[in-house]
Amino acid sequence: MARISGIVIPDNKRIEIALTYVFGIGHFSSKLVLKSAGISPDKKSKDLTAEEINKIQNIIDKNFKVGGELKRDVARNIQRLKEIGSWHGTRHARRLPIHGRTKTNSRTTRGNVRKTMGSGRKSSAEKT
């Protein structure tokens, strides 16, 4: 089992896909890393030598923020938005969606509230 940036990458996947298991490395970044290391993207991760793994690890360490360091930066950015009282910060604080259509796409966050006509209607037998 290969271990890159503290993450055990799966053995039976192509190395191009297996690198995306590292937080902060996507498909495009994975291609860049492999191209600069001179490793074929079609190679399985179990077929990598220790030298190739070290090459990949060194390239990632030099050029990318990954794992805990990246998560800390994201958390700091969100905290800064909350402190300055921006729209994005208040949405984060209330645990609501920040982008997009918030009327319908945030139903699970809001507790599946359905505000349609007749949904909260009382029966005619009840007092108003």
N, C-alpha and C. Protein backbone atom coordinates (compact mmCIF):
# COMPACT_ATOMS: atom_id res chain seq x y z
N MET A 1 0.84 -1.20 0.00
CA MET A 1 0.00 0.00 0.00
C MET A 1 0.88 1.24 0.00
N ALA A 2 0.61 2.09 -0.95
CA ALA A 2 1.38 3.34 -1.05
C ALA A 2 0.76 4.39 -0.13
N ARG A 3 1.63 5.18 0.48
CA ARG A 3 1.18 6.23 1.38
C ARG A 3 1.74 7.56 0.89
N ILE A 4 0.85 8.46 0.51
CA ILE A 4 1.27 9.76 -0.01
C ILE A 4 0.56 10.84 0.79
N SER A 5 1.33 11.76 1.35
CA SER A 5 0.82 12.88 2.16
C SER A 5 -0.06 12.42 3.30
N GLY A 6 0.30 11.29 3.90
CA GLY A 6 -0.44 10.79 5.05
C GLY A 6 -1.71 10.03 4.69
N ILE A 7 -1.96 9.81 3.41
CA ILE A 7 -3.16 9.10 2.96
C ILE A 7 -2.74 7.80 2.31
N VAL A 8 -3.38 6.70 2.68
CA VAL A 8 -3.12 5.42 2.04
C VAL A 8 -3.97 5.39 0.77
N ILE A 9 -3.30 5.37 -0.38
CA ILE A 9 -4.05 5.36 -1.63
C ILE A 9 -4.36 3.93 -2.03
N PRO A 10 -5.51 3.70 -2.69
CA PRO A 10 -5.92 2.34 -3.04
C PRO A 10 -4.98 1.68 -4.04
N ASP A 11 -4.81 0.37 -3.90
CA ASP A 11 -3.85 -0.37 -4.73
C ASP A 11 -4.35 -0.67 -6.13
N ASN A 12 -5.61 -1.00 -6.27
CA ASN A 12 -6.11 -1.51 -7.55
C ASN A 12 -6.59 -0.45 -8.51
N LYS A 13 -6.37 0.81 -8.20
CA LYS A 13 -6.78 1.89 -9.11
C LYS A 13 -5.58 2.44 -9.86
N ARG A 14 -5.87 3.06 -11.00
CA ARG A 14 -4.81 3.75 -11.72
C ARG A 14 -4.30 4.89 -10.85
N ILE A 15 -3.01 5.18 -10.95
CA ILE A 15 -2.41 6.18 -10.08
C ILE A 15 -3.02 7.55 -10.30
N GLU A 16 -3.48 7.81 -11.53
CA GLU A 16 -4.13 9.09 -11.85
C GLU A 16 -5.38 9.30 -10.99
N ILE A 17 -6.13 8.24 -10.77
CA ILE A 17 -7.35 8.30 -9.96
C ILE A 17 -7.02 8.19 -8.48
N ALA A 18 -6.05 7.35 -8.14
CA ALA A 18 -5.71 7.11 -6.74
C ALA A 18 -5.18 8.37 -6.06
N LEU A 19 -4.50 9.24 -6.81
CA LEU A 19 -3.98 10.48 -6.21
C LEU A 19 -5.10 11.43 -5.79
N THR A 20 -6.27 11.30 -6.38
CA THR A 20 -7.37 12.20 -6.03
C THR A 20 -7.94 11.89 -4.65
N TYR A 21 -7.51 10.80 -4.01
CA TYR A 21 -7.94 10.50 -2.65
C TYR A 21 -7.29 11.44 -1.65
N VAL A 22 -6.23 12.12 -2.05
CA VAL A 22 -5.56 13.10 -1.19
C VAL A 22 -6.36 14.39 -1.24
N PHE A 23 -6.73 14.94 -0.08
CA PHE A 23 -7.52 16.17 -0.01
C PHE A 23 -6.70 17.31 -0.60
N GLY A 24 -7.21 17.94 -1.64
CA GLY A 24 -6.52 19.05 -2.27
C GLY A 24 -5.94 18.69 -3.64
N ILE A 25 -5.96 17.41 -3.99
CA ILE A 25 -5.50 16.97 -5.31
C ILE A 25 -6.71 16.48 -6.08
N GLY A 26 -6.99 17.15 -7.18
CA GLY A 26 -8.09 16.73 -8.05
C GLY A 26 -7.56 16.03 -9.27
N HIS A 27 -8.43 15.83 -10.24
CA HIS A 27 -8.06 15.11 -11.45
C HIS A 27 -6.99 15.87 -12.24
N PHE A 28 -7.17 17.16 -12.40
CA PHE A 28 -6.23 17.97 -13.17
C PHE A 28 -4.87 18.04 -12.47
N SER A 29 -4.89 18.26 -11.15
CA SER A 29 -3.65 18.33 -10.39
C SER A 29 -2.92 16.99 -10.43
N SER A 30 -3.67 15.91 -10.40
CA SER A 30 -3.09 14.58 -10.47
C SER A 30 -2.33 14.39 -11.79
N LYS A 31 -2.93 14.86 -12.88
CA LYS A 31 -2.27 14.76 -14.18
C LYS A 31 -0.98 15.57 -14.19
N LEU A 32 -1.02 16.78 -13.61
CA LEU A 32 0.17 17.63 -13.57
C LEU A 32 1.31 16.97 -12.79
N VAL A 33 0.98 16.39 -11.64
CA VAL A 33 1.98 15.75 -10.79
C VAL A 33 2.63 14.59 -11.53
N LEU A 34 1.81 13.75 -12.17
CA LEU A 34 2.35 12.58 -12.86
C LEU A 34 3.19 12.98 -14.07
N LYS A 35 2.77 14.04 -14.76
CA LYS A 35 3.52 14.49 -15.93
C LYS A 35 4.89 15.01 -15.51
N SER A 36 4.93 15.78 -14.42
CA SER A 36 6.21 16.33 -13.97
C SER A 36 7.10 15.24 -13.35
N ALA A 37 6.50 14.17 -12.84
CA ALA A 37 7.29 13.06 -12.27
C ALA A 37 7.72 12.08 -13.35
N GLY A 38 7.10 12.16 -14.52
CA GLY A 38 7.45 11.26 -15.61
C GLY A 38 6.91 9.86 -15.42
N ILE A 39 5.71 9.76 -14.83
CA ILE A 39 5.08 8.47 -14.56
C ILE A 39 3.83 8.36 -15.42
N SER A 40 3.60 7.18 -15.98
CA SER A 40 2.43 6.96 -16.81
C SER A 40 1.16 6.99 -15.96
N PRO A 41 0.13 7.73 -16.39
CA PRO A 41 -1.12 7.78 -15.61
C PRO A 41 -1.89 6.46 -15.62
N ASP A 42 -1.55 5.57 -16.56
CA ASP A 42 -2.25 4.29 -16.66
C ASP A 42 -1.69 3.23 -15.72
N LYS A 43 -0.60 3.52 -15.06
CA LYS A 43 0.04 2.57 -14.16
C LYS A 43 -0.80 2.41 -12.89
N LYS A 44 -0.92 1.18 -12.42
CA LYS A 44 -1.65 0.93 -11.17
C LYS A 44 -0.79 1.37 -9.99
N SER A 45 -1.44 1.78 -8.92
CA SER A 45 -0.68 2.28 -7.78
C SER A 45 0.10 1.18 -7.07
N LYS A 46 -0.33 -0.07 -7.20
CA LYS A 46 0.42 -1.16 -6.56
C LYS A 46 1.72 -1.47 -7.31
N ASP A 47 1.82 -1.01 -8.59
CA ASP A 47 3.01 -1.26 -9.39
C ASP A 47 4.08 -0.18 -9.24
N LEU A 48 3.82 0.84 -8.42
CA LEU A 48 4.79 1.92 -8.25
C LEU A 48 5.98 1.45 -7.41
N THR A 49 7.14 1.94 -7.77
CA THR A 49 8.34 1.65 -6.98
C THR A 49 8.45 2.71 -5.87
N ALA A 50 9.31 2.46 -4.92
CA ALA A 50 9.51 3.41 -3.82
C ALA A 50 10.08 4.72 -4.34
N GLU A 51 10.91 4.64 -5.36
CA GLU A 51 11.49 5.84 -5.95
C GLU A 51 10.41 6.72 -6.60
N GLU A 52 9.47 6.08 -7.29
CA GLU A 52 8.38 6.84 -7.94
C GLU A 52 7.46 7.48 -6.90
N ILE A 53 7.21 6.76 -5.83
CA ILE A 53 6.37 7.31 -4.76
C ILE A 53 7.05 8.53 -4.13
N ASN A 54 8.36 8.44 -3.95
CA ASN A 54 9.10 9.58 -3.40
C ASN A 54 9.07 10.78 -4.33
N LYS A 55 9.17 10.53 -5.64
CA LYS A 55 9.08 11.62 -6.62
C LYS A 55 7.74 12.33 -6.51
N ILE A 56 6.67 11.54 -6.47
CA ILE A 56 5.32 12.10 -6.37
C ILE A 56 5.18 12.90 -5.08
N GLN A 57 5.65 12.34 -3.97
CA GLN A 57 5.56 13.00 -2.66
C GLN A 57 6.30 14.33 -2.66
N ASN A 58 7.49 14.36 -3.25
CA ASN A 58 8.27 15.59 -3.29
C ASN A 58 7.60 16.67 -4.13
N ILE A 59 7.03 16.28 -5.26
CA ILE A 59 6.34 17.24 -6.13
C ILE A 59 5.12 17.82 -5.42
N ILE A 60 4.37 16.97 -4.74
CA ILE A 60 3.17 17.44 -4.02
C ILE A 60 3.59 18.38 -2.88
N ASP A 61 4.64 18.03 -2.15
CA ASP A 61 5.08 18.87 -1.03
C ASP A 61 5.54 20.25 -1.50
N LYS A 62 6.21 20.31 -2.65
CA LYS A 62 6.71 21.59 -3.15
C LYS A 62 5.61 22.48 -3.70
N ASN A 63 4.66 21.91 -4.42
CA ASN A 63 3.76 22.71 -5.25
C ASN A 63 2.33 22.83 -4.75
N PHE A 64 1.89 22.01 -3.82
CA PHE A 64 0.48 22.00 -3.45
C PHE A 64 0.29 22.08 -1.94
N LYS A 65 -0.82 22.70 -1.54
CA LYS A 65 -1.27 22.62 -0.15
C LYS A 65 -2.26 21.47 -0.09
N VAL A 66 -2.02 20.52 0.76
CA VAL A 66 -2.91 19.36 0.84
C VAL A 66 -3.19 19.01 2.30
N GLY A 67 -4.23 18.22 2.49
CA GLY A 67 -4.54 17.66 3.80
C GLY A 67 -4.90 18.68 4.85
N GLY A 68 -4.31 18.53 6.03
CA GLY A 68 -4.64 19.36 7.18
C GLY A 68 -4.31 20.82 6.98
N GLU A 69 -3.22 21.10 6.28
CA GLU A 69 -2.83 22.48 6.03
C GLU A 69 -3.89 23.21 5.20
N LEU A 70 -4.39 22.55 4.18
CA LEU A 70 -5.43 23.14 3.33
C LEU A 70 -6.73 23.31 4.11
N LYS A 71 -7.09 22.32 4.93
CA LYS A 71 -8.31 22.41 5.73
C LYS A 71 -8.24 23.57 6.73
N ARG A 72 -7.05 23.78 7.33
CA ARG A 72 -6.88 24.90 8.25
C ARG A 72 -7.04 26.23 7.54
N ASP A 73 -6.50 26.33 6.33
CA ASP A 73 -6.63 27.58 5.57
C ASP A 73 -8.09 27.87 5.23
N VAL A 74 -8.82 26.85 4.83
CA VAL A 74 -10.24 27.02 4.50
C VAL A 74 -11.01 27.45 5.75
N ALA A 75 -10.72 26.81 6.89
CA ALA A 75 -11.40 27.17 8.14
C ALA A 75 -11.08 28.60 8.55
N ARG A 76 -9.81 29.01 8.37
CA ARG A 76 -9.43 30.40 8.67
C ARG A 76 -10.16 31.40 7.80
N ASN A 77 -10.31 31.07 6.52
CA ASN A 77 -11.02 31.96 5.60
C ASN A 77 -12.49 32.10 5.99
N ILE A 78 -13.11 31.00 6.38
CA ILE A 78 -14.52 31.04 6.80
C ILE A 78 -14.65 31.84 8.09
N GLN A 79 -13.72 31.65 9.02
CA GLN A 79 -13.74 32.39 10.29
C GLN A 79 -13.60 33.89 10.04
N ARG A 80 -12.72 34.26 9.11
CA ARG A 80 -12.53 35.67 8.76
C ARG A 80 -13.82 36.27 8.20
N LEU A 81 -14.52 35.51 7.35
CA LEU A 81 -15.78 35.99 6.79
C LEU A 81 -16.83 36.20 7.89
N LYS A 82 -16.84 35.29 8.87
CA LYS A 82 -17.78 35.43 9.99
C LYS A 82 -17.46 36.66 10.82
N GLU A 83 -16.18 36.91 11.08
CA GLU A 83 -15.78 38.04 11.93
C GLU A 83 -16.08 39.39 11.29
N ILE A 84 -15.90 39.51 9.98
CA ILE A 84 -16.16 40.80 9.35
C ILE A 84 -17.64 41.00 9.06
N GLY A 85 -18.45 39.96 9.28
CA GLY A 85 -19.89 40.08 9.15
C GLY A 85 -20.38 40.13 7.72
N SER A 86 -19.68 39.48 6.82
CA SER A 86 -20.09 39.49 5.42
C SER A 86 -21.28 38.55 5.22
N TRP A 87 -21.88 38.65 4.06
CA TRP A 87 -23.04 37.80 3.71
C TRP A 87 -22.64 36.34 3.77
N HIS A 88 -21.51 35.99 3.18
CA HIS A 88 -21.05 34.61 3.17
C HIS A 88 -20.80 34.13 4.60
N GLY A 89 -20.25 35.00 5.43
CA GLY A 89 -19.97 34.62 6.82
C GLY A 89 -21.23 34.35 7.61
N THR A 90 -22.25 35.17 7.43
CA THR A 90 -23.50 34.95 8.16
C THR A 90 -24.20 33.69 7.67
N ARG A 91 -24.10 33.41 6.37
CA ARG A 91 -24.69 32.17 5.85
C ARG A 91 -23.97 30.95 6.43
N HIS A 92 -22.63 31.03 6.54
CA HIS A 92 -21.88 29.94 7.15
C HIS A 92 -22.28 29.77 8.61
N ALA A 93 -22.42 30.86 9.33
CA ALA A 93 -22.74 30.81 10.76
C ALA A 93 -24.11 30.17 10.99
N ARG A 94 -25.05 30.45 10.10
CA ARG A 94 -26.39 29.87 10.24
C ARG A 94 -26.51 28.50 9.61
N ARG A 95 -25.41 28.00 9.04
CA ARG A 95 -25.38 26.69 8.38
C ARG A 95 -26.38 26.62 7.23
N LEU A 96 -26.46 27.68 6.45
CA LEU A 96 -27.33 27.75 5.30
C LEU A 96 -26.49 27.74 4.03
N PRO A 97 -27.09 27.45 2.88
CA PRO A 97 -26.32 27.47 1.63
C PRO A 97 -25.81 28.87 1.33
N ILE A 98 -24.64 28.94 0.75
CA ILE A 98 -24.02 30.22 0.47
C ILE A 98 -24.33 30.67 -0.96
N HIS A 99 -24.34 29.74 -1.89
CA HIS A 99 -24.55 30.06 -3.30
C HIS A 99 -25.85 29.45 -3.79
N GLY A 100 -26.37 30.00 -4.86
CA GLY A 100 -27.42 29.32 -5.61
C GLY A 100 -28.82 29.55 -5.11
N ARG A 101 -29.71 28.73 -5.61
CA ARG A 101 -31.14 28.81 -5.30
C ARG A 101 -31.36 28.29 -3.89
N THR A 102 -31.65 29.20 -2.98
CA THR A 102 -31.73 28.78 -1.58
C THR A 102 -33.14 28.49 -1.12
N LYS A 103 -34.13 28.79 -1.96
CA LYS A 103 -35.50 28.49 -1.55
C LYS A 103 -35.77 26.99 -1.57
N THR A 104 -35.34 26.34 -2.63
CA THR A 104 -35.64 24.92 -2.75
C THR A 104 -34.46 24.01 -2.42
N ASN A 105 -33.24 24.49 -2.64
CA ASN A 105 -32.10 23.60 -2.47
C ASN A 105 -31.60 23.50 -1.03
N SER A 106 -32.22 24.20 -0.12
CA SER A 106 -31.76 24.12 1.27
C SER A 106 -32.81 23.49 2.16
N ARG A 107 -33.66 22.66 1.61
CA ARG A 107 -34.75 22.09 2.41
C ARG A 107 -34.24 21.21 3.54
N THR A 108 -33.20 20.46 3.31
CA THR A 108 -32.72 19.59 4.38
C THR A 108 -32.11 20.42 5.50
N THR A 109 -31.45 21.51 5.17
CA THR A 109 -30.86 22.37 6.19
C THR A 109 -31.94 23.07 6.99
N ARG A 110 -33.01 23.48 6.31
CA ARG A 110 -34.08 24.20 6.99
C ARG A 110 -35.07 23.27 7.68
N GLY A 111 -34.87 21.98 7.58
CA GLY A 111 -35.79 21.04 8.21
C GLY A 111 -36.92 20.64 7.31
N ASN A 112 -36.70 20.62 6.00
CA ASN A 112 -37.67 20.19 5.00
C ASN A 112 -38.98 20.97 5.11
N VAL A 113 -38.88 22.28 5.24
CA VAL A 113 -40.06 23.13 5.34
C VAL A 113 -40.66 23.27 3.96
N ARG A 114 -41.94 22.96 3.84
CA ARG A 114 -42.63 23.10 2.55
C ARG A 114 -43.70 24.16 2.72
N LYS A 115 -43.49 25.28 2.09
CA LYS A 115 -44.44 26.38 2.23
C LYS A 115 -45.28 26.49 0.97
N THR A 116 -46.20 25.56 0.83
CA THR A 116 -47.10 25.58 -0.32
C THR A 116 -48.51 25.83 0.17
N MET A 117 -49.36 26.20 -0.73
CA MET A 117 -50.74 26.53 -0.37
C MET A 117 -51.45 25.30 0.15
N GLY A 118 -52.03 25.40 1.31
CA GLY A 118 -52.80 24.31 1.87
C GLY A 118 -51.99 23.31 2.68
N SER A 119 -50.69 23.47 2.76
CA SER A 119 -49.89 22.49 3.49
C SER A 119 -50.11 22.59 4.99
N GLY A 120 -50.40 23.79 5.49
CA GLY A 120 -50.60 23.94 6.91
C GLY A 120 -52.06 24.23 7.25
N ARG A 121 -52.94 23.90 6.34
CA ARG A 121 -54.36 24.22 6.49
C ARG A 121 -55.00 23.36 7.57
N LYS A 122 -55.80 24.00 8.40
CA LYS A 122 -56.52 23.28 9.44
C LYS A 122 -57.81 22.73 8.83
N SER A 123 -58.30 21.64 9.40
CA SER A 123 -59.57 21.08 8.89
C SER A 123 -60.72 21.98 9.31
N SER A 124 -61.83 21.89 8.64
CA SER A 124 -62.96 22.78 8.89
C SER A 124 -63.59 22.55 10.25
N ALA A 125 -63.36 21.37 10.86
CA ALA A 125 -63.93 21.08 12.17
C ALA A 125 -63.19 21.82 13.29
N GLU A 126 -61.95 22.14 13.09
CA GLU A 126 -61.16 22.82 14.12
C GLU A 126 -61.51 24.28 14.20
N LYS A 127 -61.35 24.84 15.42
CA LYS A 127 -61.57 26.27 15.60
C LYS A 127 -60.39 27.02 15.03
N THR A 128 -60.67 28.22 14.54
CA THR A 128 -59.58 29.04 13.99
C THR A 128 -59.07 30.00 15.02
